[in-house]
């Protein structure tokens, strides 16, 4: 933890601590290990409207389904790729992440992995 002394009164520095928390490396707010899977915008893998994500936006590559504790728009870095949290997992999978792929075959090829990820904002 870093302590800064920042108040000056009539030319005299008064020691008033300001605590600045240190963030994880690489500009990340949080670094975690999580289970990540792939999905595609198909009715069999989503709810009744596979073209609309929980954020209300239409599906696009670069979107990821995140646990509910991360707000929509949060940037997630996985293996040097940055994704934007736009969707949600089912409640039973709330601690997991799901990357959107163009096709079901790509999602299956990605499979399910446990990886270190960085929450950027």
PDB file of N, CA and C in Angstrom:
ATOM      1  N   UNK A   1       0.851  -1.166   0.000  1.00  0.00           N
ATOM      2  CA  UNK A   1       0.000   0.000   0.000  1.00  0.00           C
ATOM      3  C   UNK A   1       0.895   1.226   0.000  1.00  0.00           C
ATOM      4  N   UNK A   2       0.564   2.226  -0.770  1.00  0.00           N
ATOM      5  CA  UNK A   2       1.336   3.448  -0.884  1.00  0.00           C
ATOM      6  C   UNK A   2       0.673   4.540  -0.061  1.00  0.00           C
ATOM      7  N   UNK A   3       1.479   5.306   0.666  1.00  0.00           N
ATOM      8  CA  UNK A   3       0.952   6.419   1.452  1.00  0.00           C
ATOM      9  C   UNK A   3       1.540   7.702   0.883  1.00  0.00           C
ATOM     10  N   UNK A   4       0.678   8.652   0.567  1.00  0.00           N
ATOM     11  CA  UNK A   4       1.109   9.944   0.063  1.00  0.00           C
ATOM     12  C   UNK A   4       0.782  11.020   1.082  1.00  0.00           C
ATOM     13  N   UNK A   5       1.664  11.993   1.216  1.00  0.00           N
ATOM     14  CA  UNK A   5       1.409  13.136   2.076  1.00  0.00           C
ATOM     15  C   UNK A   5       1.099  14.301   1.164  1.00  0.00           C
ATOM     16  N   UNK A   6      -0.105  14.850   1.265  1.00  0.00           N
ATOM     17  CA  UNK A   6      -0.524  15.762   0.220  1.00  0.00           C
ATOM     18  C   UNK A   6      -1.073  17.112   0.662  1.00  0.00           C
ATOM     19  N   UNK A   7      -1.151  17.399   1.915  1.00  0.00           N
ATOM     20  CA  UNK A   7      -1.723  18.678   2.328  1.00  0.00           C
ATOM     21  C   UNK A   7      -0.596  19.653   2.673  1.00  0.00           C
ATOM     22  N   UNK A   8      -0.650  20.852   2.087  1.00  0.00           N
ATOM     23  CA  UNK A   8       0.330  21.892   2.384  1.00  0.00           C
ATOM     24  C   UNK A   8      -0.426  23.055   3.023  1.00  0.00           C
ATOM     25  N   UNK A   9       0.051  23.528   4.183  1.00  0.00           N
ATOM     26  CA  UNK A   9      -0.591  24.628   4.886  1.00  0.00           C
ATOM     27  C   UNK A   9       0.462  25.676   5.222  1.00  0.00           C
ATOM     28  N   UNK A  10       0.342  26.813   4.601  1.00  0.00           N
ATOM     29  CA  UNK A  10       1.283  27.917   4.798  1.00  0.00           C
ATOM     30  C   UNK A  10       2.729  27.471   4.600  1.00  0.00           C
ATOM     31  N   UNK A  11       2.954  26.675   3.531  1.00  0.00           N
ATOM     32  CA  UNK A  11       4.314  26.256   3.206  1.00  0.00           C
ATOM     33  C   UNK A  11       4.813  25.081   4.014  1.00  0.00           C
ATOM     34  N   UNK A  12       4.007  24.557   4.932  1.00  0.00           N
ATOM     35  CA  UNK A  12       4.420  23.425   5.750  1.00  0.00           C
ATOM     36  C   UNK A  12       3.632  22.195   5.313  1.00  0.00           C
ATOM     37  N   UNK A  13       4.323  21.090   5.112  1.00  0.00           N
ATOM     38  CA  UNK A  13       3.642  19.850   4.743  1.00  0.00           C
ATOM     39  C   UNK A  13       3.089  19.204   6.005  1.00  0.00           C
ATOM     40  N   UNK A  14       1.808  18.964   5.992  1.00  0.00           N
ATOM     41  CA  UNK A  14       1.154  18.291   7.112  1.00  0.00           C
ATOM     42  C   UNK A  14       0.933  16.844   6.688  1.00  0.00           C
ATOM     43  N   UNK A  15       1.354  15.922   7.502  1.00  0.00           N
ATOM     44  CA  UNK A  15       1.268  14.504   7.172  1.00  0.00           C
ATOM     45  C   UNK A  15      -0.160  14.011   7.308  1.00  0.00           C
ATOM     46  N   UNK A  16      -0.857  13.945   6.180  1.00  0.00           N
ATOM     47  CA  UNK A  16      -2.204  13.378   6.136  1.00  0.00           C
ATOM     48  C   UNK A  16      -2.174  12.214   5.163  1.00  0.00           C
ATOM     49  N   UNK A  17      -2.284  10.987   5.651  1.00  0.00           N
ATOM     50  CA  UNK A  17      -2.152   9.838   4.759  1.00  0.00           C
ATOM     51  C   UNK A  17      -3.328   9.702   3.804  1.00  0.00           C
ATOM     52  N   UNK A  18      -3.005   9.445   2.559  1.00  0.00           N
ATOM     53  CA  UNK A  18      -3.984   9.095   1.547  1.00  0.00           C
ATOM     54  C   UNK A  18      -3.606   7.706   1.061  1.00  0.00           C
ATOM     55  N   UNK A  19      -4.482   6.746   1.206  1.00  0.00           N
ATOM     56  CA  UNK A  19      -4.155   5.378   0.840  1.00  0.00           C
ATOM     57  C   UNK A  19      -4.551   5.118  -0.601  1.00  0.00           C
ATOM     58  N   UNK A  20      -3.615   4.607  -1.383  1.00  0.00           N
ATOM     59  CA  UNK A  20      -3.862   4.263  -2.773  1.00  0.00           C
ATOM     60  C   UNK A  20      -3.636   2.764  -2.912  1.00  0.00           C
ATOM     61  N   UNK A  21      -4.699   1.986  -3.148  1.00  0.00           N
ATOM     62  CA  UNK A  21      -4.520   0.539  -3.269  1.00  0.00           C
ATOM     63  C   UNK A  21      -3.741   0.194  -4.528  1.00  0.00           C
ATOM     64  N   UNK A  22      -2.910  -0.839  -4.446  1.00  0.00           N
ATOM     65  CA  UNK A  22      -2.168  -1.295  -5.618  1.00  0.00           C
ATOM     66  C   UNK A  22      -3.054  -2.239  -6.429  1.00  0.00           C
ATOM     67  N   UNK A  23      -3.040  -2.063  -7.739  1.00  0.00           N
ATOM     68  CA  UNK A  23      -3.825  -2.912  -8.628  1.00  0.00           C
ATOM     69  C   UNK A  23      -2.955  -4.054  -9.135  1.00  0.00           C
ATOM     70  N   UNK A  24      -3.550  -5.165  -9.545  1.00  0.00           N
ATOM     71  CA  UNK A  24      -2.778  -6.251 -10.131  1.00  0.00           C
ATOM     72  C   UNK A  24      -2.040  -5.769 -11.377  1.00  0.00           C
ATOM     73  N   UNK A  25      -1.039  -6.524 -11.765  1.00  0.00           N
ATOM     74  CA  UNK A  25      -0.202  -6.176 -12.912  1.00  0.00           C
ATOM     75  C   UNK A  25      -1.017  -6.034 -14.195  1.00  0.00           C
ATOM     76  N   UNK A  26      -0.434  -5.404 -15.174  1.00  0.00           N
ATOM     77  CA  UNK A  26      -0.988  -5.254 -16.519  1.00  0.00           C
ATOM     78  C   UNK A  26      -2.240  -4.382 -16.559  1.00  0.00           C
ATOM     79  N   UNK A  27      -2.421  -3.494 -15.607  1.00  0.00           N
ATOM     80  CA  UNK A  27      -3.572  -2.610 -15.637  1.00  0.00           C
ATOM     81  C   UNK A  27      -4.880  -3.285 -15.257  1.00  0.00           C
ATOM     82  N   UNK A  28      -4.822  -4.514 -14.806  1.00  0.00           N
ATOM     83  CA  UNK A  28      -6.038  -5.228 -14.445  1.00  0.00           C
ATOM     84  C   UNK A  28      -6.540  -4.785 -13.083  1.00  0.00           C
ATOM     85  N   UNK A  29      -7.837  -4.750 -12.931  1.00  0.00           N
ATOM     86  CA  UNK A  29      -8.463  -4.457 -11.654  1.00  0.00           C
ATOM     87  C   UNK A  29      -8.482  -5.723 -10.810  1.00  0.00           C
ATOM     88  N   UNK A  30      -8.605  -6.863 -11.478  1.00  0.00           N
ATOM     89  CA  UNK A  30      -8.693  -8.152 -10.800  1.00  0.00           C
ATOM     90  C   UNK A  30      -8.125  -9.227 -11.726  1.00  0.00           C
ATOM     91  N   UNK A  31      -7.412 -10.185 -11.168  1.00  0.00           N
ATOM     92  CA  UNK A  31      -6.924 -11.333 -11.924  1.00  0.00           C
ATOM     93  C   UNK A  31      -7.476 -12.578 -11.243  1.00  0.00           C
ATOM     94  N   UNK A  32      -8.187 -13.407 -12.013  1.00  0.00           N
ATOM     95  CA  UNK A  32      -8.813 -14.601 -11.445  1.00  0.00           C
ATOM     96  C   UNK A  32      -8.589 -15.805 -12.360  1.00  0.00           C
ATOM     97  N   UNK A  33      -8.836 -16.979 -11.818  1.00  0.00           N
ATOM     98  CA  UNK A  33      -8.871 -18.202 -12.606  1.00  0.00           C
ATOM     99  C   UNK A  33     -10.337 -18.630 -12.651  1.00  0.00           C
ATOM    100  N   UNK A  34     -10.834 -18.897 -13.855  1.00  0.00           N
ATOM    101  CA  UNK A  34     -12.250 -19.228 -13.994  1.00  0.00           C
ATOM    102  C   UNK A  34     -12.456 -20.241 -15.115  1.00  0.00           C
ATOM    103  N   UNK A  35     -13.598 -20.896 -15.070  1.00  0.00           N
ATOM    104  CA  UNK A  35     -13.980 -21.811 -16.135  1.00  0.00           C
ATOM    105  C   UNK A  35     -14.600 -21.002 -17.270  1.00  0.00           C
ATOM    106  N   UNK A  36     -14.100 -21.248 -18.482  1.00  0.00           N
ATOM    107  CA  UNK A  36     -14.557 -20.520 -19.660  1.00  0.00           C
ATOM    108  C   UNK A  36     -14.973 -21.534 -20.708  1.00  0.00           C
ATOM    109  N   UNK A  37     -16.106 -21.291 -21.331  1.00  0.00           N
ATOM    110  CA  UNK A  37     -16.581 -22.159 -22.408  1.00  0.00           C
ATOM    111  C   UNK A  37     -16.932 -21.289 -23.609  1.00  0.00           C
ATOM    112  N   UNK A  38     -17.270 -21.949 -24.707  1.00  0.00           N
ATOM    113  CA  UNK A  38     -17.670 -21.237 -25.909  1.00  0.00           C
ATOM    114  C   UNK A  38     -19.134 -21.496 -26.206  1.00  0.00           C
ATOM    115  N   UNK A  39     -19.787 -20.520 -26.831  1.00  0.00           N
ATOM    116  CA  UNK A  39     -21.173 -20.716 -27.278  1.00  0.00           C
ATOM    117  C   UNK A  39     -21.387 -19.950 -28.570  1.00  0.00           C
ATOM    118  N   UNK A  40     -22.453 -20.296 -29.265  1.00  0.00           N
ATOM    119  CA  UNK A  40     -22.824 -19.572 -30.478  1.00  0.00           C
ATOM    120  C   UNK A  40     -24.275 -19.112 -30.329  1.00  0.00           C
ATOM    121  N   UNK A  41     -24.660 -18.158 -31.134  1.00  0.00           N
ATOM    122  CA  UNK A  41     -26.009 -17.586 -31.036  1.00  0.00           C
ATOM    123  C   UNK A  41     -27.016 -18.497 -31.737  1.00  0.00           C
ATOM    124  N   UNK A  42     -27.266 -19.629 -31.125  1.00  0.00           N
ATOM    125  CA  UNK A  42     -28.260 -20.585 -31.631  1.00  0.00           C
ATOM    126  C   UNK A  42     -29.322 -20.781 -30.567  1.00  0.00           C
ATOM    127  N   UNK A  43     -30.527 -21.024 -30.993  1.00  0.00           N
ATOM    128  CA  UNK A  43     -31.633 -21.225 -30.060  1.00  0.00           C
ATOM    129  C   UNK A  43     -31.331 -22.337 -29.058  1.00  0.00           C
ATOM    130  N   UNK A  44     -30.618 -23.381 -29.477  1.00  0.00           N
ATOM    131  CA  UNK A  44     -30.318 -24.503 -28.584  1.00  0.00           C
ATOM    132  C   UNK A  44     -29.314 -24.123 -27.491  1.00  0.00           C
ATOM    133  N   UNK A  45     -28.612 -22.994 -27.653  1.00  0.00           N
ATOM    134  CA  UNK A  45     -27.585 -22.607 -26.683  1.00  0.00           C
ATOM    135  C   UNK A  45     -27.927 -21.314 -25.950  1.00  0.00           C
ATOM    136  N   UNK A  46     -29.087 -20.741 -26.234  1.00  0.00           N
ATOM    137  CA  UNK A  46     -29.462 -19.464 -25.621  1.00  0.00           C
ATOM    138  C   UNK A  46     -30.920 -19.514 -25.190  1.00  0.00           C
ATOM    139  N   UNK A  47     -31.465 -18.360 -24.882  1.00  0.00           N
ATOM    140  CA  UNK A  47     -32.892 -18.302 -24.541  1.00  0.00           C
ATOM    141  C   UNK A  47     -33.719 -18.169 -25.824  1.00  0.00           C
ATOM    142  N   UNK A  48     -34.913 -17.666 -25.726  1.00  0.00           N
ATOM    143  CA  UNK A  48     -35.820 -17.622 -26.877  1.00  0.00           C
ATOM    144  C   UNK A  48     -35.429 -16.598 -27.947  1.00  0.00           C
ATOM    145  N   UNK A  49     -34.474 -15.695 -27.651  1.00  0.00           N
ATOM    146  CA  UNK A  49     -34.037 -14.707 -28.633  1.00  0.00           C
ATOM    147  C   UNK A  49     -32.506 -14.771 -28.755  1.00  0.00           C
ATOM    148  N   UNK A  50     -31.987 -15.674 -29.563  1.00  0.00           N
ATOM    149  CA  UNK A  50     -30.540 -15.879 -29.633  1.00  0.00           C
ATOM    150  C   UNK A  50     -29.754 -14.713 -30.227  1.00  0.00           C
ATOM    151  N   UNK A  51     -30.420 -13.764 -30.847  1.00  0.00           N
ATOM    152  CA  UNK A  51     -29.716 -12.638 -31.475  1.00  0.00           C
ATOM    153  C   UNK A  51     -29.563 -11.427 -30.549  1.00  0.00           C
ATOM    154  N   UNK A  52     -30.174 -11.471 -29.356  1.00  0.00           N
ATOM    155  CA  UNK A  52     -30.087 -10.357 -28.416  1.00  0.00           C
ATOM    156  C   UNK A  52     -29.457 -10.841 -27.115  1.00  0.00           C
ATOM    157  N   UNK A  53     -28.428 -10.107 -26.673  1.00  0.00           N
ATOM    158  CA  UNK A  53     -27.742 -10.456 -25.425  1.00  0.00           C
ATOM    159  C   UNK A  53     -28.458  -9.805 -24.244  1.00  0.00           C
ATOM    160  N   UNK A  54     -28.106 -10.208 -23.047  1.00  0.00           N
ATOM    161  CA  UNK A  54     -28.756  -9.691 -21.838  1.00  0.00           C
ATOM    162  C   UNK A  54     -28.613  -8.176 -21.701  1.00  0.00           C
ATOM    163  N   UNK A  55     -27.570  -7.606 -22.273  1.00  0.00           N
ATOM    164  CA  UNK A  55     -27.369  -6.146 -22.227  1.00  0.00           C
ATOM    165  C   UNK A  55     -28.357  -5.412 -23.131  1.00  0.00           C
ATOM    166  N   UNK A  56     -29.047  -6.156 -24.003  1.00  0.00           N
ATOM    167  CA  UNK A  56     -29.968  -5.553 -24.962  1.00  0.00           C
ATOM    168  C   UNK A  56     -29.337  -5.343 -26.329  1.00  0.00           C
ATOM    169  N   UNK A  57     -28.028  -5.552 -26.429  1.00  0.00           N
ATOM    170  CA  UNK A  57     -27.339  -5.389 -27.712  1.00  0.00           C
ATOM    171  C   UNK A  57     -27.473  -6.649 -28.554  1.00  0.00           C
ATOM    172  N   UNK A  58     -27.371  -6.470 -29.856  1.00  0.00           N
ATOM    173  CA  UNK A  58     -27.353  -7.615 -30.767  1.00  0.00           C
ATOM    174  C   UNK A  58     -26.010  -8.329 -30.645  1.00  0.00           C
ATOM    175  N   UNK A  59     -25.991  -9.632 -30.883  1.00  0.00           N
ATOM    176  CA  UNK A  59     -24.762 -10.409 -30.743  1.00  0.00           C
ATOM    177  C   UNK A  59     -23.665  -9.890 -31.670  1.00  0.00           C
ATOM    178  N   UNK A  60     -22.441  -9.945 -31.205  1.00  0.00           N
ATOM    179  CA  UNK A  60     -21.281  -9.576 -32.018  1.00  0.00           C
ATOM    180  C   UNK A  60     -20.057 -10.315 -31.483  1.00  0.00           C
ATOM    181  N   UNK A  61     -19.116 -10.589 -32.371  1.00  0.00           N
ATOM    182  CA  UNK A  61     -17.884 -11.237 -31.950  1.00  0.00           C
ATOM    183  C   UNK A  61     -17.113 -10.282 -31.057  1.00  0.00           C
ATOM    184  N   UNK A  62     -16.582 -10.813 -29.978  1.00  0.00           N
ATOM    185  CA  UNK A  62     -15.905  -9.990 -28.988  1.00  0.00           C
ATOM    186  C   UNK A  62     -16.736  -9.825 -27.727  1.00  0.00           C
ATOM    187  N   UNK A  63     -17.959 -10.372 -27.754  1.00  0.00           N
ATOM    188  CA  UNK A  63     -18.827 -10.326 -26.572  1.00  0.00           C
ATOM    189  C   UNK A  63     -18.572 -11.570 -25.722  1.00  0.00           C
ATOM    190  N   UNK A  64     -18.823 -11.433 -24.435  1.00  0.00           N
ATOM    191  CA  UNK A  64     -18.659 -12.558 -23.515  1.00  0.00           C
ATOM    192  C   UNK A  64     -19.782 -12.518 -22.481  1.00  0.00           C
ATOM    193  N   UNK A  65     -20.251 -13.693 -22.097  1.00  0.00           N
ATOM    194  CA  UNK A  65     -21.227 -13.801 -21.012  1.00  0.00           C
ATOM    195  C   UNK A  65     -20.429 -13.902 -19.713  1.00  0.00           C
ATOM    196  N   UNK A  66     -20.793 -13.076 -18.736  1.00  0.00           N
ATOM    197  CA  UNK A  66     -20.036 -12.961 -17.489  1.00  0.00           C
ATOM    198  C   UNK A  66     -20.911 -13.259 -16.280  1.00  0.00           C
ATOM    199  N   UNK A  67     -20.271 -13.546 -15.149  1.00  0.00           N
ATOM    200  CA  UNK A  67     -21.025 -13.635 -13.897  1.00  0.00           C
ATOM    201  C   UNK A  67     -21.710 -12.298 -13.604  1.00  0.00           C
ATOM    202  N   UNK A  68     -22.789 -12.349 -12.860  1.00  0.00           N
ATOM    203  CA  UNK A  68     -23.609 -11.159 -12.592  1.00  0.00           C
ATOM    204  C   UNK A  68     -22.878 -10.058 -11.819  1.00  0.00           C
ATOM    205  N   UNK A  69     -21.795 -10.382 -11.167  1.00  0.00           N
ATOM    206  CA  UNK A  69     -21.076  -9.353 -10.393  1.00  0.00           C
ATOM    207  C   UNK A  69     -20.327  -8.361 -11.276  1.00  0.00           C
ATOM    208  N   UNK A  70     -20.167  -8.683 -12.568  1.00  0.00           N
ATOM    209  CA  UNK A  70     -19.491  -7.774 -13.496  1.00  0.00           C
ATOM    210  C   UNK A  70     -20.525  -7.016 -14.317  1.00  0.00           C
ATOM    211  N   UNK A  71     -20.496  -5.700 -14.283  1.00  0.00           N
ATOM    212  CA  UNK A  71     -21.476  -4.912 -15.044  1.00  0.00           C
ATOM    213  C   UNK A  71     -21.288  -5.064 -16.555  1.00  0.00           C
ATOM    214  N   UNK A  72     -22.353  -4.852 -17.298  1.00  0.00           N
ATOM    215  CA  UNK A  72     -22.246  -4.843 -18.755  1.00  0.00           C
ATOM    216  C   UNK A  72     -21.232  -3.772 -19.145  1.00  0.00           C
ATOM    217  N   UNK A  73     -20.428  -4.075 -20.137  1.00  0.00           N
ATOM    218  CA  UNK A  73     -19.398  -3.143 -20.586  1.00  0.00           C
ATOM    219  C   UNK A  73     -18.040  -3.418 -19.983  1.00  0.00           C
ATOM    220  N   UNK A  74     -17.966  -4.273 -18.954  1.00  0.00           N
ATOM    221  CA  UNK A  74     -16.686  -4.616 -18.343  1.00  0.00           C
ATOM    222  C   UNK A  74     -15.801  -5.290 -19.383  1.00  0.00           C
ATOM    223  N   UNK A  75     -14.541  -4.898 -19.429  1.00  0.00           N
ATOM    224  CA  UNK A  75     -13.568  -5.494 -20.359  1.00  0.00           C
ATOM    225  C   UNK A  75     -12.886  -6.666 -19.671  1.00  0.00           C
ATOM    226  N   UNK A  76     -12.823  -7.781 -20.375  1.00  0.00           N
ATOM    227  CA  UNK A  76     -12.249  -9.020 -19.867  1.00  0.00           C
ATOM    228  C   UNK A  76     -11.134  -9.450 -20.815  1.00  0.00           C
ATOM    229  N   UNK A  77      -9.940  -9.692 -20.297  1.00  0.00           N
ATOM    230  CA  UNK A  77      -8.833 -10.140 -21.147  1.00  0.00           C
ATOM    231  C   UNK A  77      -8.558 -11.615 -20.890  1.00  0.00           C
ATOM    232  N   UNK A  78      -8.582 -12.389 -21.972  1.00  0.00           N
ATOM    233  CA  UNK A  78      -8.294 -13.822 -21.910  1.00  0.00           C
ATOM    234  C   UNK A  78      -7.281 -14.127 -23.002  1.00  0.00           C
ATOM    235  N   UNK A  79      -6.114 -14.601 -22.607  1.00  0.00           N
ATOM    236  CA  UNK A  79      -5.062 -14.958 -23.573  1.00  0.00           C
ATOM    237  C   UNK A  79      -4.820 -13.862 -24.613  1.00  0.00           C
ATOM    238  N   UNK A  80      -4.583 -12.658 -24.182  1.00  0.00           N
ATOM    239  CA  UNK A  80      -4.271 -11.507 -25.046  1.00  0.00           C
ATOM    240  C   UNK A  80      -5.423 -11.062 -25.951  1.00  0.00           C
ATOM    241  N   UNK A  81      -6.625 -11.577 -25.737  1.00  0.00           N
ATOM    242  CA  UNK A  81      -7.812 -11.108 -26.461  1.00  0.00           C
ATOM    243  C   UNK A  81      -8.705 -10.382 -25.461  1.00  0.00           C
ATOM    244  N   UNK A  82      -9.260  -9.267 -25.877  1.00  0.00           N
ATOM    245  CA  UNK A  82     -10.137  -8.501 -24.994  1.00  0.00           C
ATOM    246  C   UNK A  82     -11.583  -8.664 -25.441  1.00  0.00           C
ATOM    247  N   UNK A  83     -12.448  -8.973 -24.473  1.00  0.00           N
ATOM    248  CA  UNK A  83     -13.871  -9.173 -24.711  1.00  0.00           C
ATOM    249  C   UNK A  83     -14.652  -8.158 -23.889  1.00  0.00           C
ATOM    250  N   UNK A  84     -15.900  -7.922 -24.264  1.00  0.00           N
ATOM    251  CA  UNK A  84     -16.766  -7.013 -23.521  1.00  0.00           C
ATOM    252  C   UNK A  84     -17.926  -7.800 -22.936  1.00  0.00           C
ATOM    253  N   UNK A  85     -18.161  -7.615 -21.651  1.00  0.00           N
ATOM    254  CA  UNK A  85     -19.255  -8.305 -20.973  1.00  0.00           C
ATOM    255  C   UNK A  85     -20.587  -7.741 -21.461  1.00  0.00           C
ATOM    256  N   UNK A  86     -21.336  -8.568 -22.186  1.00  0.00           N
ATOM    257  CA  UNK A  86     -22.628  -8.151 -22.756  1.00  0.00           C
ATOM    258  C   UNK A  86     -23.750  -9.129 -22.439  1.00  0.00           C
ATOM    259  N   UNK A  87     -23.407 -10.292 -21.890  1.00  0.00           N
ATOM    260  CA  UNK A  87     -24.398 -11.346 -21.698  1.00  0.00           C
ATOM    261  C   UNK A  87     -24.214 -11.952 -20.314  1.00  0.00           C
ATOM    262  N   UNK A  88     -25.139 -12.793 -19.916  1.00  0.00           N
ATOM    263  CA  UNK A  88     -25.105 -13.455 -18.618  1.00  0.00           C
ATOM    264  C   UNK A  88     -25.193 -14.963 -18.788  1.00  0.00           C
ATOM    265  N   UNK A  89     -24.602 -15.651 -17.829  1.00  0.00           N
ATOM    266  CA  UNK A  89     -24.723 -17.103 -17.776  1.00  0.00           C
ATOM    267  C   UNK A  89     -26.017 -17.438 -17.029  1.00  0.00           C
ATOM    268  N   UNK A  90     -26.490 -18.667 -17.207  1.00  0.00           N
ATOM    269  CA  UNK A  90     -27.623 -19.142 -16.416  1.00  0.00           C
ATOM    270  C   UNK A  90     -27.215 -19.105 -14.941  1.00  0.00           C
ATOM    271  N   UNK A  91     -28.166 -18.915 -14.044  1.00  0.00           N
ATOM    272  CA  UNK A  91     -27.860 -18.816 -12.612  1.00  0.00           C
ATOM    273  C   UNK A  91     -26.999 -19.975 -12.116  1.00  0.00           C
ATOM    274  N   UNK A  92     -27.254 -21.177 -12.589  1.00  0.00           N
ATOM    275  CA  UNK A  92     -26.489 -22.335 -12.116  1.00  0.00           C
ATOM    276  C   UNK A  92     -25.011 -22.255 -12.535  1.00  0.00           C
ATOM    277  N   UNK A  93     -24.683 -21.418 -13.520  1.00  0.00           N
ATOM    278  CA  UNK A  93     -23.304 -21.259 -14.002  1.00  0.00           C
ATOM    279  C   UNK A  93     -22.776 -19.851 -13.758  1.00  0.00           C
ATOM    280  N   UNK A  94     -23.300 -19.170 -12.745  1.00  0.00           N
ATOM    281  CA  UNK A  94     -23.012 -17.745 -12.563  1.00  0.00           C
ATOM    282  C   UNK A  94     -21.544 -17.405 -12.333  1.00  0.00           C
ATOM    283  N   UNK A  95     -20.720 -18.308 -11.903  1.00  0.00           N
ATOM    284  CA  UNK A  95     -19.305 -18.014 -11.687  1.00  0.00           C
ATOM    285  C   UNK A  95     -18.436 -18.249 -12.909  1.00  0.00           C
ATOM    286  N   UNK A  96     -19.048 -18.606 -14.033  1.00  0.00           N
ATOM    287  CA  UNK A  96     -18.301 -18.978 -15.233  1.00  0.00           C
ATOM    288  C   UNK A  96     -18.442 -17.914 -16.321  1.00  0.00           C
ATOM    289  N   UNK A  97     -17.610 -18.030 -17.346  1.00  0.00           N
ATOM    290  CA  UNK A  97     -17.626 -17.127 -18.484  1.00  0.00           C
ATOM    291  C   UNK A  97     -17.906 -17.932 -19.748  1.00  0.00           C
ATOM    292  N   UNK A  98     -18.493 -17.299 -20.755  1.00  0.00           N
ATOM    293  CA  UNK A  98     -18.869 -17.965 -21.998  1.00  0.00           C
ATOM    294  C   UNK A  98     -18.567 -17.026 -23.167  1.00  0.00           C
ATOM    295  N   UNK A  99     -17.602 -17.400 -24.015  1.00  0.00           N
ATOM    296  CA  UNK A  99     -17.202 -16.570 -25.149  1.00  0.00           C
ATOM    297  C   UNK A  99     -18.088 -16.859 -26.347  1.00  0.00           C
ATOM    298  N   UNK A 100     -18.551 -15.807 -27.011  1.00  0.00           N
ATOM    299  CA  UNK A 100     -19.379 -15.949 -28.200  1.00  0.00           C
ATOM    300  C   UNK A 100     -18.510 -16.257 -29.422  1.00  0.00           C
ATOM    301  N   UNK A 101     -18.877 -17.306 -30.158  1.00  0.00           N
ATOM    302  CA  UNK A 101     -18.211 -17.684 -31.403  1.00  0.00           C
ATOM    303  C   UNK A 101     -19.206 -17.591 -32.553  1.00  0.00           C
ATOM    304  N   UNK A 102     -18.692 -17.505 -33.777  1.00  0.00           N
ATOM    305  CA  UNK A 102     -19.537 -17.390 -34.972  1.00  0.00           C
ATOM    306  C   UNK A 102     -20.383 -18.630 -35.200  1.00  0.00           C
ATOM    307  N   UNK A 103     -19.796 -19.791 -34.945  1.00  0.00           N
ATOM    308  CA  UNK A 103     -20.501 -21.051 -35.229  1.00  0.00           C
ATOM    309  C   UNK A 103     -20.416 -21.998 -34.038  1.00  0.00           C
ATOM    310  N   UNK A 104     -21.334 -22.924 -34.037  1.00  0.00           N
ATOM    311  CA  UNK A 104     -21.332 -23.947 -32.993  1.00  0.00           C
ATOM    312  C   UNK A 104     -20.052 -24.778 -33.055  1.00  0.00           C
ATOM    313  N   UNK A 105     -19.568 -25.065 -34.256  1.00  0.00           N
ATOM    314  CA  UNK A 105     -18.341 -25.853 -34.420  1.00  0.00           C
ATOM    315  C   UNK A 105     -17.146 -25.157 -33.759  1.00  0.00           C
ATOM    316  N   UNK A 106     -17.047 -23.826 -33.922  1.00  0.00           N
ATOM    317  CA  UNK A 106     -15.954 -23.085 -33.275  1.00  0.00           C
ATOM    318  C   UNK A 106     -16.084 -23.129 -31.758  1.00  0.00           C
ATOM    319  N   UNK A 107     -17.305 -23.009 -31.268  1.00  0.00           N
ATOM    320  CA  UNK A 107     -17.543 -23.062 -29.829  1.00  0.00           C
ATOM    321  C   UNK A 107     -17.158 -24.433 -29.272  1.00  0.00           C
ATOM    322  N   UNK A 108     -17.533 -25.486 -29.986  1.00  0.00           N
ATOM    323  CA  UNK A 108     -17.187 -26.848 -29.556  1.00  0.00           C
ATOM    324  C   UNK A 108     -15.678 -27.050 -29.601  1.00  0.00           C
ATOM    325  N   UNK A 109     -15.032 -26.528 -30.625  1.00  0.00           N
ATOM    326  CA  UNK A 109     -13.571 -26.643 -30.734  1.00  0.00           C
ATOM    327  C   UNK A 109     -12.884 -25.952 -29.550  1.00  0.00           C
ATOM    328  N   UNK A 110     -13.398 -24.784 -29.140  1.00  0.00           N
ATOM    329  CA  UNK A 110     -12.840 -24.097 -27.974  1.00  0.00           C
ATOM    330  C   UNK A 110     -13.062 -24.935 -26.720  1.00  0.00           C
ATOM    331  N   UNK A 111     -14.257 -25.506 -26.613  1.00  0.00           N
ATOM    332  CA  UNK A 111     -14.579 -26.380 -25.484  1.00  0.00           C
ATOM    333  C   UNK A 111     -14.765 -25.650 -24.181  1.00  0.00           C
ATOM    334  N   UNK A 112     -14.287 -26.279 -23.118  1.00  0.00           N
ATOM    335  CA  UNK A 112     -14.384 -25.745 -21.761  1.00  0.00           C
ATOM    336  C   UNK A 112     -12.988 -25.777 -21.172  1.00  0.00           C
ATOM    337  N   UNK A 113     -12.522 -24.638 -20.687  1.00  0.00           N
ATOM    338  CA  UNK A 113     -11.156 -24.532 -20.170  1.00  0.00           C
ATOM    339  C   UNK A 113     -11.150 -23.748 -18.869  1.00  0.00           C
ATOM    340  N   UNK A 114     -10.188 -24.031 -18.037  1.00  0.00           N
ATOM    341  CA  UNK A 114      -9.959 -23.225 -16.851  1.00  0.00           C
ATOM    342  C   UNK A 114      -8.727 -22.376 -17.146  1.00  0.00           C
ATOM    343  N   UNK A 115      -8.914 -21.059 -17.161  1.00  0.00           N
ATOM    344  CA  UNK A 115      -7.860 -20.134 -17.561  1.00  0.00           C
ATOM    345  C   UNK A 115      -7.753 -18.961 -16.577  1.00  0.00           C
ATOM    346  N   UNK A 116      -6.597 -18.329 -16.588  1.00  0.00           N
ATOM    347  CA  UNK A 116      -6.411 -17.092 -15.848  1.00  0.00           C
ATOM    348  C   UNK A 116      -6.916 -15.958 -16.717  1.00  0.00           C
ATOM    349  N   UNK A 117      -7.742 -15.105 -16.135  1.00  0.00           N
ATOM    350  CA  UNK A 117      -8.285 -13.975 -16.893  1.00  0.00           C
ATOM    351  C   UNK A 117      -8.053 -12.693 -16.116  1.00  0.00           C
ATOM    352  N   UNK A 118      -8.058 -11.589 -16.848  1.00  0.00           N
ATOM    353  CA  UNK A 118      -7.871 -10.274 -16.235  1.00  0.00           C
ATOM    354  C   UNK A 118      -9.139  -9.438 -16.440  1.00  0.00           C
ATOM    355  N   UNK A 119      -9.653  -8.906 -15.356  1.00  0.00           N
ATOM    356  CA  UNK A 119     -10.778  -7.987 -15.420  1.00  0.00           C
ATOM    357  C   UNK A 119     -10.149  -6.602 -15.549  1.00  0.00           C
ATOM    358  N   UNK A 120     -10.382  -5.935 -16.683  1.00  0.00           N
ATOM    359  CA  UNK A 120      -9.683  -4.685 -16.950  1.00  0.00           C
ATOM    360  C   UNK A 120     -10.409  -3.453 -16.441  1.00  0.00           C
ATOM    361  N   UNK A 121     -11.734  -3.491 -16.388  1.00  0.00           N
ATOM    362  CA  UNK A 121     -12.488  -2.329 -15.884  1.00  0.00           C
ATOM    363  C   UNK A 121     -13.842  -2.758 -15.432  1.00  0.00           C
TER     364      UNK A 121
END
